[in-house]
């Protein structure tokens, strides 16, 4: 979720950037800006920087584990190539299926 302090800071910046005549409504305008920003940012389904960084680290660890598993699989395949080879299935015209043994 978005930090409310950042929303307040952004609302204040928008409020300060408005023409002086509109700024005279001060508290009401800033409050309304804050409400609109909060509603729009919530609707956008954003994540915080902290949550993004956590998920980046999870993804990095997952990729490392995947690389290790792929390397281990390649090692096992090279040690026993005949045992891991797919079986060849053939059929004869009589409809019987022969499998090599």
Protein backbone atom coordinates (compact mmCIF):
# COMPACT_ATOMS: atom_id res chain seq x y z
CA UNK A 1 0.00 0.00 0.00
CA UNK A 2 1.09 3.57 -0.58
CA UNK A 3 2.52 5.48 2.40
CA UNK A 4 0.05 8.14 3.54
CA UNK A 5 2.89 10.57 4.30
CA UNK A 6 3.94 10.45 0.66
CA UNK A 7 0.35 11.08 -0.43
CA UNK A 8 0.14 14.07 1.91
CA UNK A 9 3.43 15.40 0.56
CA UNK A 10 2.22 15.00 -3.02
CA UNK A 11 -1.12 16.65 -2.17
CA UNK A 12 0.75 19.57 -0.58
CA UNK A 13 2.93 19.96 -3.68
CA UNK A 14 -0.12 19.98 -5.95
CA UNK A 15 -1.83 22.46 -3.64
CA UNK A 16 1.21 24.77 -3.67
CA UNK A 17 1.38 24.60 -7.47
CA UNK A 18 -2.22 25.84 -7.82
CA UNK A 19 -3.03 29.47 -8.55
CA UNK A 20 -3.37 31.71 -5.49
CA UNK A 21 -7.14 32.15 -5.88
CA UNK A 22 -7.74 28.43 -5.59
CA UNK A 23 -5.26 28.06 -2.73
CA UNK A 24 -7.40 30.36 -0.58
CA UNK A 25 -9.72 27.40 0.04
CA UNK A 26 -6.58 25.84 1.60
CA UNK A 27 -7.60 23.00 3.88
CA UNK A 28 -10.62 21.90 1.85
CA UNK A 29 -8.67 21.82 -1.42
CA UNK A 30 -5.69 19.99 0.06
CA UNK A 31 -7.99 17.49 1.79
CA UNK A 32 -9.89 16.83 -1.43
CA UNK A 33 -6.63 16.42 -3.39
CA UNK A 34 -5.42 13.92 -0.79
CA UNK A 35 -8.68 11.94 -1.04
CA UNK A 36 -8.59 11.84 -4.83
CA UNK A 37 -4.92 10.80 -4.88
CA UNK A 38 -5.54 8.06 -2.32
CA UNK A 39 -8.53 6.72 -4.25
CA UNK A 40 -6.75 6.75 -7.61
CA UNK A 41 -3.54 5.18 -6.30
CA UNK A 42 -5.53 2.48 -4.49
CA UNK A 43 -7.43 1.72 -7.68
CA UNK A 44 -4.14 1.34 -9.54
CA UNK A 45 -3.20 -1.55 -7.19
CA UNK A 46 0.37 -0.34 -6.67
CA UNK A 47 2.88 -1.96 -4.34
CA UNK A 48 5.33 -0.27 -2.04
CA UNK A 49 9.02 -0.10 -2.88
CA UNK A 50 9.75 -2.36 0.09
CA UNK A 51 7.36 -5.04 -1.16
CA UNK A 52 8.81 -4.75 -4.67
CA UNK A 53 12.35 -5.20 -3.32
CA UNK A 54 11.29 -8.26 -1.31
CA UNK A 55 9.71 -9.86 -4.38
CA UNK A 56 12.83 -9.07 -6.43
CA UNK A 57 14.94 -10.95 -3.89
CA UNK A 58 12.52 -13.89 -3.91
CA UNK A 59 12.72 -14.01 -7.70
CA UNK A 60 16.53 -13.89 -7.58
CA UNK A 61 16.70 -16.81 -5.12
CA UNK A 62 14.21 -18.77 -7.23
CA UNK A 63 16.31 -18.26 -10.35
CA UNK A 64 19.44 -19.39 -8.48
CA UNK A 65 17.67 -22.55 -7.30
CA UNK A 66 16.39 -23.22 -10.83
CA UNK A 67 19.91 -22.87 -12.26
CA UNK A 68 21.26 -25.27 -9.63
CA UNK A 69 18.50 -27.80 -10.38
CA UNK A 70 19.11 -27.54 -14.14
CA UNK A 71 22.82 -28.11 -13.56
CA UNK A 72 22.10 -31.11 -11.31
CA UNK A 73 19.69 -32.56 -13.89
CA UNK A 74 22.29 -32.20 -16.65
CA UNK A 75 24.83 -33.93 -14.42
CA UNK A 76 22.46 -36.84 -13.73
CA UNK A 77 21.55 -37.15 -17.40
CA UNK A 78 25.20 -37.33 -18.39
CA UNK A 79 25.88 -40.07 -15.82
CA UNK A 80 23.06 -42.37 -16.99
CA UNK A 81 22.16 -41.55 -20.60
CA UNK A 82 20.71 -45.01 -21.45
CA UNK A 83 18.45 -45.22 -18.42
CA UNK A 84 16.90 -41.82 -19.11
CA UNK A 85 16.41 -42.29 -22.87
CA UNK A 86 12.75 -42.50 -23.92
CA UNK A 87 11.45 -45.93 -24.90
CA UNK A 88 10.63 -46.50 -28.56
CA UNK A 89 7.15 -47.90 -29.09
CA UNK A 90 6.34 -49.66 -32.37
CA UNK A 91 3.25 -51.42 -33.57
CA UNK A 92 2.90 -54.27 -36.04
CA UNK A 93 0.14 -54.60 -38.67
CA UNK A 94 -1.75 -57.08 -36.47
CA UNK A 95 -2.38 -54.31 -33.95
CA UNK A 96 0.01 -55.58 -31.30
CA UNK A 97 2.31 -53.10 -29.63
CA UNK A 98 5.93 -54.09 -29.15
CA UNK A 99 8.14 -52.35 -26.65
CA UNK A 100 11.89 -52.97 -26.39
CA UNK A 101 13.06 -54.67 -23.23
